[in-house]
Amino acid sequence: MNSELKILYEATDNLINQQFYKGGHDVIIGRTPEVHLKISNSGQIVQKFKDLFNENIDLFLEGNYLKFLLPFKKIKGLDEETIFEINEQLKDKFELLKDDIHESEIVVLYTFVLSALISRIRDLHFNNAIEEIKRRVKEKSSKISGKKIQETLDNLFMRNNDNISILYNISYLDALALSFNYKKVSRVCKIQQGKYMNRIVDLILSAITHT
């Protein structure tokens, strides 16, 4: 294996594991490794996701970012239109950075591509979880305004609340589990999501009623 490919494979590993997965342990972590959850077969799912990057890495090296991104249509929540949109955003970013990043700095470019794709998947599914939390708060106390709920959530985000950070990653794993047809893992993720959502709902209600 040439050194360039080796570096990019390592980058795939590091970028996907970062603040998400403890390699080789079937353990999903939160913002820090202290916040973690063991989910059987999660390692297999994470590896399949990495393979999707590594199998198409030649397309990235050729500079054909759109073709590199298109196989990710199989990930839940992504479609061709979203992939085109991510590709356009990357083109704009690379155009802005062309004087700062030399083509030889391939890992920097690869990091941008991976980060754009991973962030889109994570945010999409986490936002769905946040909407469900808001719905549950309203269900328990219809008098609380949406603005107040959002302010309390923002405060939890700002303080890097552990329940938020692990929910972010369970939502992400659930999307990957469904994408690679790991239905049992998805069921476990949904149970865990429900647990952490309820904790966050309680934190919101407690914060609002004590202000």
N, C-alpha and C. Protein backbone atom coordinates (compact mmCIF):
# COMPACT_ATOMS: atom_id res chain seq x y z
N MET A 1 0.85 -1.19 0.00
CA MET A 1 0.00 0.00 0.00
C MET A 1 0.89 1.24 0.00
N ASN A 2 0.60 2.19 -0.92
CA ASN A 2 1.46 3.38 -0.92
C ASN A 2 1.16 4.27 0.28
N SER A 3 2.12 5.12 0.60
CA SER A 3 2.05 5.90 1.84
C SER A 3 0.86 6.87 1.84
N GLU A 4 0.52 7.39 0.66
CA GLU A 4 -0.61 8.32 0.57
C GLU A 4 -1.93 7.64 0.97
N LEU A 5 -2.14 6.44 0.44
CA LEU A 5 -3.35 5.68 0.79
C LEU A 5 -3.37 5.34 2.28
N LYS A 6 -2.21 4.94 2.80
CA LYS A 6 -2.12 4.58 4.22
C LYS A 6 -2.51 5.76 5.10
N ILE A 7 -2.03 6.95 4.73
CA ILE A 7 -2.34 8.16 5.50
C ILE A 7 -3.84 8.45 5.45
N LEU A 8 -4.44 8.25 4.27
CA LEU A 8 -5.88 8.54 4.13
C LEU A 8 -6.73 7.50 4.87
N TYR A 9 -6.32 6.24 4.85
CA TYR A 9 -7.03 5.21 5.61
C TYR A 9 -6.99 5.53 7.11
N GLU A 10 -5.83 5.98 7.56
CA GLU A 10 -5.68 6.36 8.98
C GLU A 10 -6.57 7.57 9.30
N ALA A 11 -6.64 8.49 8.34
CA ALA A 11 -7.49 9.68 8.53
C ALA A 11 -8.96 9.26 8.64
N THR A 12 -9.38 8.29 7.81
CA THR A 12 -10.77 7.78 7.88
C THR A 12 -11.03 7.24 9.28
N ASP A 13 -10.11 6.42 9.77
CA ASP A 13 -10.24 5.83 11.11
C ASP A 13 -10.38 6.91 12.18
N ASN A 14 -9.44 7.83 12.16
CA ASN A 14 -9.40 8.86 13.21
C ASN A 14 -10.61 9.78 13.18
N LEU A 15 -10.99 10.21 11.98
CA LEU A 15 -12.09 11.18 11.86
C LEU A 15 -13.44 10.57 12.23
N ILE A 16 -13.63 9.29 11.90
CA ILE A 16 -14.91 8.65 12.23
C ILE A 16 -14.96 8.27 13.71
N ASN A 17 -13.83 7.83 14.26
CA ASN A 17 -13.82 7.44 15.68
C ASN A 17 -13.93 8.65 16.62
N GLN A 18 -13.40 9.78 16.16
CA GLN A 18 -13.27 10.97 17.01
C GLN A 18 -14.57 11.34 17.72
N GLN A 19 -14.50 11.39 19.04
CA GLN A 19 -15.65 11.75 19.87
C GLN A 19 -16.91 10.97 19.48
N PHE A 20 -16.73 9.71 19.09
CA PHE A 20 -17.87 8.88 18.70
C PHE A 20 -17.70 7.42 19.10
N TYR A 21 -16.57 6.82 18.73
CA TYR A 21 -16.43 5.37 18.87
C TYR A 21 -15.07 5.00 19.45
N LYS A 22 -15.08 4.09 20.42
CA LYS A 22 -13.84 3.59 20.99
C LYS A 22 -13.45 2.33 20.24
N GLY A 23 -12.45 2.44 19.40
CA GLY A 23 -12.06 1.37 18.49
C GLY A 23 -11.89 0.02 19.14
N GLY A 24 -12.54 -0.99 18.53
CA GLY A 24 -12.38 -2.38 18.96
C GLY A 24 -13.14 -2.78 20.20
N HIS A 25 -14.03 -1.92 20.70
CA HIS A 25 -14.70 -2.22 21.97
C HIS A 25 -16.23 -2.21 21.90
N ASP A 26 -16.81 -1.96 20.73
CA ASP A 26 -18.27 -1.84 20.63
C ASP A 26 -18.79 -0.78 21.61
N VAL A 27 -18.01 0.27 21.80
CA VAL A 27 -18.38 1.32 22.76
C VAL A 27 -18.54 2.66 22.05
N ILE A 28 -19.73 3.24 22.24
CA ILE A 28 -20.02 4.57 21.72
C ILE A 28 -19.73 5.57 22.83
N ILE A 29 -18.96 6.59 22.52
CA ILE A 29 -18.61 7.57 23.54
C ILE A 29 -19.31 8.90 23.26
N GLY A 30 -19.35 9.73 24.27
CA GLY A 30 -19.90 11.07 24.12
C GLY A 30 -18.78 12.05 23.82
N ARG A 31 -18.91 13.24 24.36
CA ARG A 31 -17.90 14.29 24.15
C ARG A 31 -16.54 13.86 24.70
N THR A 32 -16.58 13.09 25.79
CA THR A 32 -15.36 12.54 26.39
C THR A 32 -15.58 11.03 26.59
N PRO A 33 -14.49 10.25 26.66
CA PRO A 33 -14.63 8.79 26.81
C PRO A 33 -15.34 8.37 28.10
N GLU A 34 -15.37 9.27 29.10
CA GLU A 34 -16.05 8.93 30.37
C GLU A 34 -17.55 8.71 30.15
N VAL A 35 -18.09 9.41 29.16
CA VAL A 35 -19.52 9.24 28.82
C VAL A 35 -19.57 8.19 27.72
N HIS A 36 -20.02 6.99 28.04
CA HIS A 36 -19.98 5.94 27.03
C HIS A 36 -21.12 4.93 27.22
N LEU A 37 -21.30 4.14 26.17
CA LEU A 37 -22.38 3.17 26.14
C LEU A 37 -21.93 1.99 25.29
N LYS A 38 -22.03 0.79 25.83
CA LYS A 38 -21.64 -0.39 25.05
C LYS A 38 -22.85 -0.86 24.24
N ILE A 39 -22.67 -0.94 22.93
CA ILE A 39 -23.74 -1.41 22.04
C ILE A 39 -23.16 -2.50 21.14
N SER A 40 -23.61 -3.73 21.35
CA SER A 40 -23.09 -4.87 20.58
C SER A 40 -23.23 -4.63 19.08
N ASN A 41 -22.19 -5.03 18.35
CA ASN A 41 -22.11 -4.93 16.88
C ASN A 41 -21.95 -3.51 16.35
N SER A 42 -21.81 -2.54 17.25
CA SER A 42 -21.61 -1.17 16.77
C SER A 42 -20.30 -1.07 16.00
N GLY A 43 -19.30 -1.85 16.42
CA GLY A 43 -18.01 -1.83 15.73
C GLY A 43 -18.12 -2.28 14.28
N GLN A 44 -18.96 -3.30 14.04
CA GLN A 44 -19.16 -3.78 12.66
C GLN A 44 -19.77 -2.68 11.79
N ILE A 45 -20.72 -1.95 12.37
CA ILE A 45 -21.40 -0.87 11.63
C ILE A 45 -20.42 0.25 11.31
N VAL A 46 -19.63 0.63 12.32
CA VAL A 46 -18.64 1.69 12.13
C VAL A 46 -17.65 1.28 11.04
N GLN A 47 -17.25 0.01 11.03
CA GLN A 47 -16.31 -0.47 10.02
C GLN A 47 -16.92 -0.41 8.62
N LYS A 48 -18.19 -0.78 8.50
CA LYS A 48 -18.86 -0.72 7.19
C LYS A 48 -18.92 0.72 6.68
N PHE A 49 -19.13 1.65 7.60
CA PHE A 49 -19.14 3.07 7.23
C PHE A 49 -17.75 3.50 6.75
N LYS A 50 -16.72 3.07 7.47
CA LYS A 50 -15.34 3.39 7.06
C LYS A 50 -15.03 2.79 5.68
N ASP A 51 -15.51 1.56 5.47
CA ASP A 51 -15.26 0.88 4.18
C ASP A 51 -15.83 1.68 3.01
N LEU A 52 -16.97 2.32 3.26
CA LEU A 52 -17.61 3.11 2.21
C LEU A 52 -16.70 4.26 1.76
N PHE A 53 -15.95 4.81 2.71
CA PHE A 53 -14.96 5.84 2.37
C PHE A 53 -13.76 5.22 1.67
N ASN A 54 -13.21 4.17 2.30
CA ASN A 54 -11.95 3.61 1.81
C ASN A 54 -12.07 2.93 0.45
N GLU A 55 -13.24 2.34 0.17
CA GLU A 55 -13.44 1.66 -1.11
C GLU A 55 -13.46 2.63 -2.29
N ASN A 56 -13.79 3.87 -2.01
CA ASN A 56 -13.92 4.86 -3.09
C ASN A 56 -12.83 5.93 -3.07
N ILE A 57 -11.77 5.64 -2.32
CA ILE A 57 -10.76 6.67 -2.09
C ILE A 57 -10.03 7.09 -3.37
N ASP A 58 -9.98 6.18 -4.36
CA ASP A 58 -9.34 6.54 -5.64
C ASP A 58 -10.07 7.70 -6.31
N LEU A 59 -11.40 7.71 -6.18
CA LEU A 59 -12.18 8.81 -6.77
C LEU A 59 -11.83 10.14 -6.11
N PHE A 60 -11.62 10.08 -4.80
CA PHE A 60 -11.21 11.29 -4.09
C PHE A 60 -9.84 11.75 -4.59
N LEU A 61 -8.91 10.81 -4.73
CA LEU A 61 -7.55 11.16 -5.17
C LEU A 61 -7.53 11.73 -6.58
N GLU A 62 -8.50 11.31 -7.38
CA GLU A 62 -8.62 11.86 -8.75
C GLU A 62 -9.25 13.25 -8.74
N GLY A 63 -9.73 13.68 -7.57
CA GLY A 63 -10.38 14.98 -7.47
C GLY A 63 -11.84 14.94 -7.87
N ASN A 64 -12.37 13.72 -8.04
CA ASN A 64 -13.78 13.59 -8.44
C ASN A 64 -14.64 13.44 -7.17
N TYR A 65 -14.83 14.56 -6.49
CA TYR A 65 -15.49 14.53 -5.18
C TYR A 65 -16.95 14.10 -5.26
N LEU A 66 -17.63 14.51 -6.32
CA LEU A 66 -19.04 14.14 -6.45
C LEU A 66 -19.19 12.63 -6.56
N LYS A 67 -18.37 12.00 -7.43
CA LYS A 67 -18.44 10.54 -7.58
C LYS A 67 -18.05 9.84 -6.28
N PHE A 68 -17.12 10.45 -5.56
CA PHE A 68 -16.71 9.89 -4.26
C PHE A 68 -17.87 9.94 -3.27
N LEU A 69 -18.66 11.01 -3.32
CA LEU A 69 -19.75 11.21 -2.36
C LEU A 69 -21.02 10.43 -2.70
N LEU A 70 -21.26 10.18 -3.97
CA LEU A 70 -22.55 9.59 -4.37
C LEU A 70 -22.89 8.24 -3.72
N PRO A 71 -21.92 7.34 -3.47
CA PRO A 71 -22.27 6.08 -2.79
C PRO A 71 -22.89 6.27 -1.41
N PHE A 72 -22.72 7.46 -0.84
CA PHE A 72 -23.27 7.71 0.50
C PHE A 72 -24.78 7.97 0.48
N LYS A 73 -25.36 7.85 -0.71
CA LYS A 73 -26.84 7.92 -0.80
C LYS A 73 -27.48 6.79 0.01
N LYS A 74 -26.71 5.73 0.25
CA LYS A 74 -27.28 4.61 0.99
C LYS A 74 -27.45 4.94 2.48
N ILE A 75 -26.83 6.03 2.94
CA ILE A 75 -26.96 6.40 4.36
C ILE A 75 -28.30 7.09 4.58
N LYS A 76 -29.02 6.62 5.58
CA LYS A 76 -30.35 7.15 5.88
C LYS A 76 -30.32 8.67 6.03
N GLY A 77 -31.22 9.32 5.31
CA GLY A 77 -31.33 10.77 5.39
C GLY A 77 -30.61 11.49 4.26
N LEU A 78 -29.70 10.78 3.57
CA LEU A 78 -29.00 11.41 2.45
C LEU A 78 -29.65 10.97 1.14
N ASP A 79 -29.80 11.91 0.24
CA ASP A 79 -30.26 11.58 -1.11
C ASP A 79 -29.37 12.31 -2.10
N GLU A 80 -29.66 12.12 -3.37
CA GLU A 80 -28.79 12.70 -4.41
C GLU A 80 -28.73 14.23 -4.29
N GLU A 81 -29.87 14.82 -4.01
CA GLU A 81 -29.93 16.29 -3.90
C GLU A 81 -29.02 16.79 -2.76
N THR A 82 -29.06 16.11 -1.63
CA THR A 82 -28.22 16.50 -0.49
C THR A 82 -26.74 16.32 -0.82
N ILE A 83 -26.42 15.23 -1.52
CA ILE A 83 -25.03 14.97 -1.92
C ILE A 83 -24.54 16.08 -2.86
N PHE A 84 -25.37 16.48 -3.81
CA PHE A 84 -25.01 17.57 -4.73
C PHE A 84 -24.77 18.86 -3.94
N GLU A 85 -25.61 19.08 -2.96
CA GLU A 85 -25.50 20.29 -2.14
C GLU A 85 -24.18 20.29 -1.36
N ILE A 86 -23.84 19.15 -0.75
CA ILE A 86 -22.57 19.04 -0.02
C ILE A 86 -21.40 19.27 -0.97
N ASN A 87 -21.50 18.70 -2.17
CA ASN A 87 -20.43 18.85 -3.17
C ASN A 87 -20.24 20.32 -3.55
N GLU A 88 -21.35 21.03 -3.74
CA GLU A 88 -21.28 22.46 -4.09
C GLU A 88 -20.63 23.27 -2.96
N GLN A 89 -21.00 22.94 -1.73
CA GLN A 89 -20.42 23.64 -0.57
C GLN A 89 -18.92 23.40 -0.49
N LEU A 90 -18.51 22.17 -0.79
CA LEU A 90 -17.09 21.84 -0.77
C LEU A 90 -16.34 22.58 -1.88
N LYS A 91 -16.95 22.65 -3.07
CA LYS A 91 -16.32 23.38 -4.18
C LYS A 91 -16.08 24.84 -3.81
N ASP A 92 -17.11 25.43 -3.18
CA ASP A 92 -17.00 26.84 -2.76
C ASP A 92 -15.89 27.00 -1.72
N LYS A 93 -15.83 26.06 -0.79
CA LYS A 93 -14.82 26.12 0.28
C LYS A 93 -13.41 25.98 -0.30
N PHE A 94 -13.25 25.02 -1.21
CA PHE A 94 -11.93 24.79 -1.81
C PHE A 94 -11.51 25.99 -2.66
N GLU A 95 -12.48 26.63 -3.29
CA GLU A 95 -12.19 27.81 -4.10
C GLU A 95 -11.66 28.94 -3.20
N LEU A 96 -12.30 29.09 -2.03
CA LEU A 96 -11.87 30.13 -1.08
C LEU A 96 -10.49 29.83 -0.50
N LEU A 97 -10.20 28.53 -0.34
CA LEU A 97 -8.96 28.14 0.34
C LEU A 97 -7.82 27.80 -0.63
N LYS A 98 -8.07 27.96 -1.93
CA LYS A 98 -7.09 27.45 -2.91
C LYS A 98 -5.70 28.08 -2.76
N ASP A 99 -5.65 29.31 -2.25
CA ASP A 99 -4.34 29.95 -2.08
C ASP A 99 -3.65 29.50 -0.80
N ASP A 100 -4.44 28.95 0.13
CA ASP A 100 -3.87 28.53 1.42
C ASP A 100 -3.52 27.05 1.46
N ILE A 101 -4.25 26.26 0.66
CA ILE A 101 -4.02 24.81 0.69
C ILE A 101 -3.45 24.34 -0.65
N HIS A 102 -2.28 23.78 -0.60
CA HIS A 102 -1.67 23.23 -1.80
C HIS A 102 -2.27 21.86 -2.07
N GLU A 103 -2.35 21.47 -3.34
CA GLU A 103 -2.94 20.17 -3.68
C GLU A 103 -2.22 19.01 -3.01
N SER A 104 -0.95 19.24 -2.66
CA SER A 104 -0.19 18.16 -2.02
C SER A 104 -0.69 17.90 -0.60
N GLU A 105 -1.40 18.89 -0.03
CA GLU A 105 -1.92 18.70 1.33
C GLU A 105 -3.23 17.92 1.26
N ILE A 106 -3.11 16.71 0.77
CA ILE A 106 -4.28 15.90 0.46
C ILE A 106 -5.09 15.55 1.70
N VAL A 107 -4.41 15.37 2.84
CA VAL A 107 -5.12 15.00 4.07
C VAL A 107 -6.03 16.13 4.53
N VAL A 108 -5.58 17.37 4.32
CA VAL A 108 -6.41 18.53 4.70
C VAL A 108 -7.69 18.54 3.87
N LEU A 109 -7.56 18.32 2.57
CA LEU A 109 -8.73 18.27 1.68
C LEU A 109 -9.64 17.11 2.06
N TYR A 110 -9.03 15.97 2.35
CA TYR A 110 -9.81 14.78 2.72
C TYR A 110 -10.59 15.03 4.02
N THR A 111 -9.95 15.69 4.95
CA THR A 111 -10.60 16.03 6.23
C THR A 111 -11.82 16.91 5.99
N PHE A 112 -11.69 17.87 5.10
CA PHE A 112 -12.83 18.74 4.77
C PHE A 112 -14.00 17.93 4.21
N VAL A 113 -13.69 17.01 3.29
CA VAL A 113 -14.73 16.20 2.64
C VAL A 113 -15.43 15.30 3.67
N LEU A 114 -14.63 14.58 4.45
CA LEU A 114 -15.21 13.69 5.47
C LEU A 114 -16.03 14.46 6.49
N SER A 115 -15.47 15.56 6.96
CA SER A 115 -16.16 16.35 8.00
C SER A 115 -17.49 16.89 7.50
N ALA A 116 -17.51 17.35 6.25
CA ALA A 116 -18.76 17.90 5.68
C ALA A 116 -19.83 16.81 5.62
N LEU A 117 -19.43 15.63 5.21
CA LEU A 117 -20.39 14.52 5.06
C LEU A 117 -20.86 14.02 6.43
N ILE A 118 -19.91 13.79 7.33
CA ILE A 118 -20.25 13.27 8.66
C ILE A 118 -21.12 14.27 9.42
N SER A 119 -20.76 15.54 9.35
CA SER A 119 -21.54 16.57 10.07
C SER A 119 -22.97 16.62 9.57
N ARG A 120 -23.16 16.48 8.27
CA ARG A 120 -24.51 16.53 7.70
C ARG A 120 -25.35 15.35 8.23
N ILE A 121 -24.76 14.16 8.23
CA ILE A 121 -25.48 12.97 8.71
C ILE A 121 -25.82 13.13 10.19
N ARG A 122 -24.82 13.51 10.98
CA ARG A 122 -25.01 13.62 12.43
C ARG A 122 -26.07 14.68 12.77
N ASP A 123 -25.93 15.85 12.15
CA ASP A 123 -26.83 16.96 12.49
C ASP A 123 -28.27 16.65 12.10
N LEU A 124 -28.43 16.03 10.94
CA LEU A 124 -29.77 15.69 10.45
C LEU A 124 -30.52 14.83 11.46
N HIS A 125 -29.87 13.78 11.95
CA HIS A 125 -30.55 12.84 12.85
C HIS A 125 -30.64 13.38 14.28
N PHE A 126 -29.65 14.14 14.68
CA PHE A 126 -29.70 14.75 16.01
C PHE A 126 -30.82 15.80 16.06
N ASN A 127 -30.98 16.56 15.00
CA ASN A 127 -32.06 17.57 14.95
C ASN A 127 -33.43 16.92 15.07
N ASN A 128 -33.57 15.73 14.47
CA ASN A 128 -34.84 14.98 14.62
C ASN A 128 -35.08 14.63 16.08
N ALA A 129 -34.00 14.22 16.78
CA ALA A 129 -34.11 13.87 18.20
C ALA A 129 -34.48 15.10 19.03
N ILE A 130 -33.90 16.24 18.69
CA ILE A 130 -34.20 17.49 19.42
C ILE A 130 -35.66 17.90 19.22
N GLU A 131 -36.17 17.73 18.01
CA GLU A 131 -37.58 18.05 17.75
C GLU A 131 -38.49 17.15 18.59
N GLU A 132 -38.09 15.88 18.74
CA GLU A 132 -38.87 14.95 19.57
C GLU A 132 -38.83 15.36 21.04
N ILE A 133 -37.68 15.84 21.51
CA ILE A 133 -37.56 16.33 22.89
C ILE A 133 -38.50 17.51 23.10
N LYS A 134 -38.52 18.44 22.17
CA LYS A 134 -39.41 19.61 22.28
C LYS A 134 -40.87 19.17 22.34
N ARG A 135 -41.19 18.16 21.52
CA ARG A 135 -42.58 17.66 21.50
C ARG A 135 -42.94 17.05 22.85
N ARG A 136 -42.00 16.29 23.43
CA ARG A 136 -42.26 15.65 24.72
C ARG A 136 -42.40 16.68 25.86
N VAL A 137 -41.61 17.74 25.79
CA VAL A 137 -41.73 18.79 26.80
C VAL A 137 -43.11 19.42 26.72
N LYS A 138 -43.54 19.74 25.50
CA LYS A 138 -44.85 20.36 25.28
C LYS A 138 -45.98 19.44 25.75
N GLU A 139 -45.78 18.14 25.54
CA GLU A 139 -46.77 17.15 25.94
C GLU A 139 -46.96 17.15 27.48
N LYS A 140 -45.85 17.36 28.17
CA LYS A 140 -45.89 17.37 29.64
C LYS A 140 -46.33 18.72 30.21
N SER A 141 -46.04 19.78 29.47
CA SER A 141 -46.40 21.11 29.96
C SER A 141 -46.65 22.04 28.79
N SER A 142 -47.89 22.08 28.34
CA SER A 142 -48.25 22.83 27.13
C SER A 142 -48.08 24.34 27.28
N LYS A 143 -47.96 24.80 28.54
CA LYS A 143 -47.85 26.25 28.76
C LYS A 143 -46.44 26.79 28.47
N ILE A 144 -45.46 25.89 28.42
CA ILE A 144 -44.07 26.34 28.18
C ILE A 144 -43.90 26.74 26.72
N SER A 145 -43.35 27.90 26.49
CA SER A 145 -43.19 28.38 25.11
C SER A 145 -42.02 27.68 24.42
N GLY A 146 -42.13 27.62 23.09
CA GLY A 146 -41.05 27.03 22.29
C GLY A 146 -39.75 27.79 22.49
N LYS A 147 -39.87 29.09 22.67
CA LYS A 147 -38.68 29.95 22.86
C LYS A 147 -37.96 29.57 24.16
N LYS A 148 -38.73 29.34 25.21
CA LYS A 148 -38.16 28.98 26.51
C LYS A 148 -37.48 27.61 26.45
N ILE A 149 -38.12 26.69 25.73
CA ILE A 149 -37.53 25.34 25.57
C ILE A 149 -36.19 25.46 24.85
N GLN A 150 -36.18 26.25 23.77
CA GLN A 150 -34.95 26.42 22.98
C GLN A 150 -33.84 27.07 23.80
N GLU A 151 -34.19 28.06 24.58
CA GLU A 151 -33.19 28.73 25.43
C GLU A 151 -32.57 27.74 26.42
N THR A 152 -33.41 26.89 27.01
CA THR A 152 -32.92 25.91 27.98
C THR A 152 -32.04 24.87 27.29
N LEU A 153 -32.44 24.45 26.09
CA LEU A 153 -31.62 23.53 25.31
C LEU A 153 -30.27 24.15 24.98
N ASP A 154 -30.30 25.41 24.55
CA ASP A 154 -29.05 26.12 24.20
C ASP A 154 -28.10 26.15 25.39
N ASN A 155 -28.68 26.32 26.57
CA ASN A 155 -27.86 26.34 27.79
C ASN A 155 -27.22 24.96 28.04
N LEU A 156 -27.98 23.90 27.78
CA LEU A 156 -27.44 22.54 27.92
C LEU A 156 -26.32 22.29 26.90
N PHE A 157 -26.53 22.79 25.67
CA PHE A 157 -25.49 22.66 24.63
C PHE A 157 -24.22 23.38 25.07
N MET A 158 -24.41 24.60 25.57
CA MET A 158 -23.29 25.46 25.95
C MET A 158 -22.45 24.81 27.06
N ARG A 159 -23.15 24.10 27.96
CA ARG A 159 -22.45 23.46 29.07
C ARG A 159 -21.99 22.04 28.73
N ASN A 160 -22.12 21.68 27.45
CA ASN A 160 -21.69 20.34 27.00
C ASN A 160 -22.28 19.24 27.86
N ASN A 161 -23.59 19.31 28.07
CA ASN A 161 -24.27 18.33 28.91
C ASN A 161 -24.03 16.91 28.38
N ASP A 162 -23.70 15.98 29.30
CA ASP A 162 -23.36 14.60 28.91
C ASP A 162 -24.51 13.89 28.20
N ASN A 163 -25.74 14.13 28.64
CA ASN A 163 -26.90 13.48 28.01
C ASN A 163 -27.04 13.92 26.55
N ILE A 164 -26.76 15.20 26.30
CA ILE A 164 -26.82 15.72 24.94
C ILE A 164 -25.75 15.07 24.07
N SER A 165 -24.52 14.99 24.61
CA SER A 165 -23.41 14.48 23.79
C SER A 165 -23.59 13.01 23.43
N ILE A 166 -24.12 12.21 24.37
CA ILE A 166 -24.30 10.79 24.04
C ILE A 166 -25.52 10.60 23.13
N LEU A 167 -26.56 11.41 23.29
CA LEU A 167 -27.73 11.34 22.40
C LEU A 167 -27.32 11.66 20.97
N TYR A 168 -26.45 12.65 20.82
CA TYR A 168 -25.93 13.04 19.50
C TYR A 168 -25.36 11.83 18.77
N ASN A 169 -24.60 11.01 19.52
CA ASN A 169 -23.93 9.87 18.90
C ASN A 169 -24.81 8.65 18.76
N ILE A 170 -25.77 8.48 19.67
CA ILE A 170 -26.70 7.33 19.52
C ILE A 170 -27.59 7.56 18.29
N SER A 171 -28.01 8.80 18.08
CA SER A 171 -28.84 9.13 16.90
C SER A 171 -28.07 8.83 15.62
N TYR A 172 -26.80 9.16 15.63
CA TYR A 172 -25.90 8.94 14.50
C TYR A 172 -25.73 7.44 14.25
N LEU A 173 -25.46 6.67 15.32
CA LEU A 173 -25.31 5.21 15.17
C LEU A 173 -26.60 4.58 14.67
N ASP A 174 -27.73 5.06 15.16
CA ASP A 174 -29.03 4.53 14.71
C ASP A 174 -29.18 4.68 13.20
N ALA A 175 -28.82 5.86 12.69
CA ALA A 175 -28.90 6.11 11.24
C ALA A 175 -27.99 5.15 10.48
N LEU A 176 -26.77 4.94 10.99
CA LEU A 176 -25.83 4.02 10.33
C LEU A 176 -26.32 2.58 10.42
N ALA A 177 -26.89 2.21 11.58
CA ALA A 177 -27.41 0.85 11.75
C ALA A 177 -28.50 0.56 10.74
N LEU A 178 -29.42 1.51 10.56
CA LEU A 178 -30.51 1.33 9.57
C LEU A 178 -29.95 1.28 8.15
N SER A 179 -28.93 2.09 7.88
CA SER A 179 -28.34 2.15 6.54
C SER A 179 -27.70 0.82 6.14
N PHE A 180 -27.12 0.13 7.14
CA PHE A 180 -26.44 -1.14 6.85
C PHE A 180 -27.26 -2.35 7.31
N ASN A 181 -28.54 -2.11 7.57
CA ASN A 181 -29.52 -3.16 7.87
C ASN A 181 -29.23 -3.94 9.16
N TYR A 182 -28.78 -3.22 10.17
CA TYR A 182 -28.60 -3.82 11.50
C TYR A 182 -29.81 -3.43 12.35
N LYS A 183 -30.90 -4.16 12.14
CA LYS A 183 -32.17 -3.76 12.75
C LYS A 183 -32.17 -3.91 14.27
N LYS A 184 -31.49 -4.95 14.77
CA LYS A 184 -31.44 -5.14 16.23
C LYS A 184 -30.68 -4.00 16.89
N VAL A 185 -29.59 -3.58 16.27
CA VAL A 185 -28.81 -2.46 16.82
C VAL A 185 -29.65 -1.18 16.79
N SER A 186 -30.38 -1.00 15.71
CA SER A 186 -31.25 0.18 15.61
C SER A 186 -32.29 0.19 16.72
N ARG A 187 -32.84 -0.99 17.03
CA ARG A 187 -33.83 -1.08 18.12
C ARG A 187 -33.21 -0.68 19.46
N VAL A 188 -31.99 -1.18 19.71
CA VAL A 188 -31.27 -0.82 20.94
C VAL A 188 -31.03 0.69 20.98
N CYS A 189 -30.61 1.24 19.85
CA CYS A 189 -30.37 2.69 19.76
C CYS A 189 -31.63 3.49 20.08
N LYS A 190 -32.76 3.03 19.56
CA LYS A 190 -34.02 3.76 19.79
C LYS A 190 -34.42 3.72 21.26
N ILE A 191 -34.20 2.57 21.92
CA ILE A 191 -34.49 2.47 23.36
C ILE A 191 -33.59 3.43 24.13
N GLN A 192 -32.31 3.44 23.77
CA GLN A 192 -31.36 4.33 24.46
C GLN A 192 -31.66 5.81 24.16
N GLN A 193 -32.03 6.09 22.91
CA GLN A 193 -32.41 7.47 22.58
C GLN A 193 -33.58 7.93 23.45
N GLY A 194 -34.57 7.05 23.59
CA GLY A 194 -35.75 7.38 24.40
C GLY A 194 -35.36 7.69 25.83
N LYS A 195 -34.42 6.90 26.36
CA LYS A 195 -33.96 7.10 27.74
C LYS A 195 -33.29 8.47 27.91
N TYR A 196 -32.39 8.78 26.99
CA TYR A 196 -31.66 10.06 27.11
C TYR A 196 -32.55 11.26 26.76
N MET A 197 -33.47 11.07 25.85
CA MET A 197 -34.44 12.13 25.55
C MET A 197 -35.24 12.48 26.81
N ASN A 198 -35.71 11.43 27.51
CA ASN A 198 -36.51 11.66 28.72
C ASN A 198 -35.70 12.36 29.81
N ARG A 199 -34.43 12.01 29.89
CA ARG A 199 -33.56 12.70 30.87
C ARG A 199 -33.46 14.19 30.52
N ILE A 200 -33.30 14.46 29.24
CA ILE A 200 -33.17 15.87 28.80
C ILE A 200 -34.49 16.61 29.01
N VAL A 201 -35.60 15.94 28.73
CA VAL A 201 -36.93 16.54 28.98
C VAL A 201 -37.04 16.93 30.45
N ASP A 202 -36.63 16.02 31.34
CA ASP A 202 -36.70 16.30 32.79
C ASP A 202 -35.80 17.46 33.17
N LEU A 203 -34.62 17.52 32.56
CA LEU A 203 -33.70 18.64 32.84
C LEU A 203 -34.30 19.97 32.41
N ILE A 204 -34.95 19.96 31.24
CA ILE A 204 -35.59 21.19 30.73
C ILE A 204 -36.71 21.63 31.64
N LEU A 205 -37.57 20.69 32.00
CA LEU A 205 -38.72 21.02 32.87
C LEU A 205 -38.25 21.52 34.23
N SER A 206 -37.23 20.87 34.76
CA SER A 206 -36.69 21.26 36.07
C SER A 206 -36.07 22.66 36.00
N ALA A 207 -35.31 22.93 34.94
CA ALA A 207 -34.65 24.24 34.79
C ALA A 207 -35.70 25.35 34.66
N ILE A 208 -36.76 25.09 33.88
CA ILE A 208 -37.77 26.12 33.63
C ILE A 208 -38.62 26.37 34.87
N THR A 209 -38.98 25.31 35.57
CA THR A 209 -39.85 25.49 36.75
C THR A 209 -39.10 26.10 37.93
N HIS A 210 -37.76 26.05 37.87
CA HIS A 210 -36.97 26.63 38.98
C HIS A 210 -36.41 28.01 38.63
N THR A 211 -36.91 28.59 37.53
CA THR A 211 -36.44 29.95 37.18
C THR A 211 -37.53 30.96 37.48
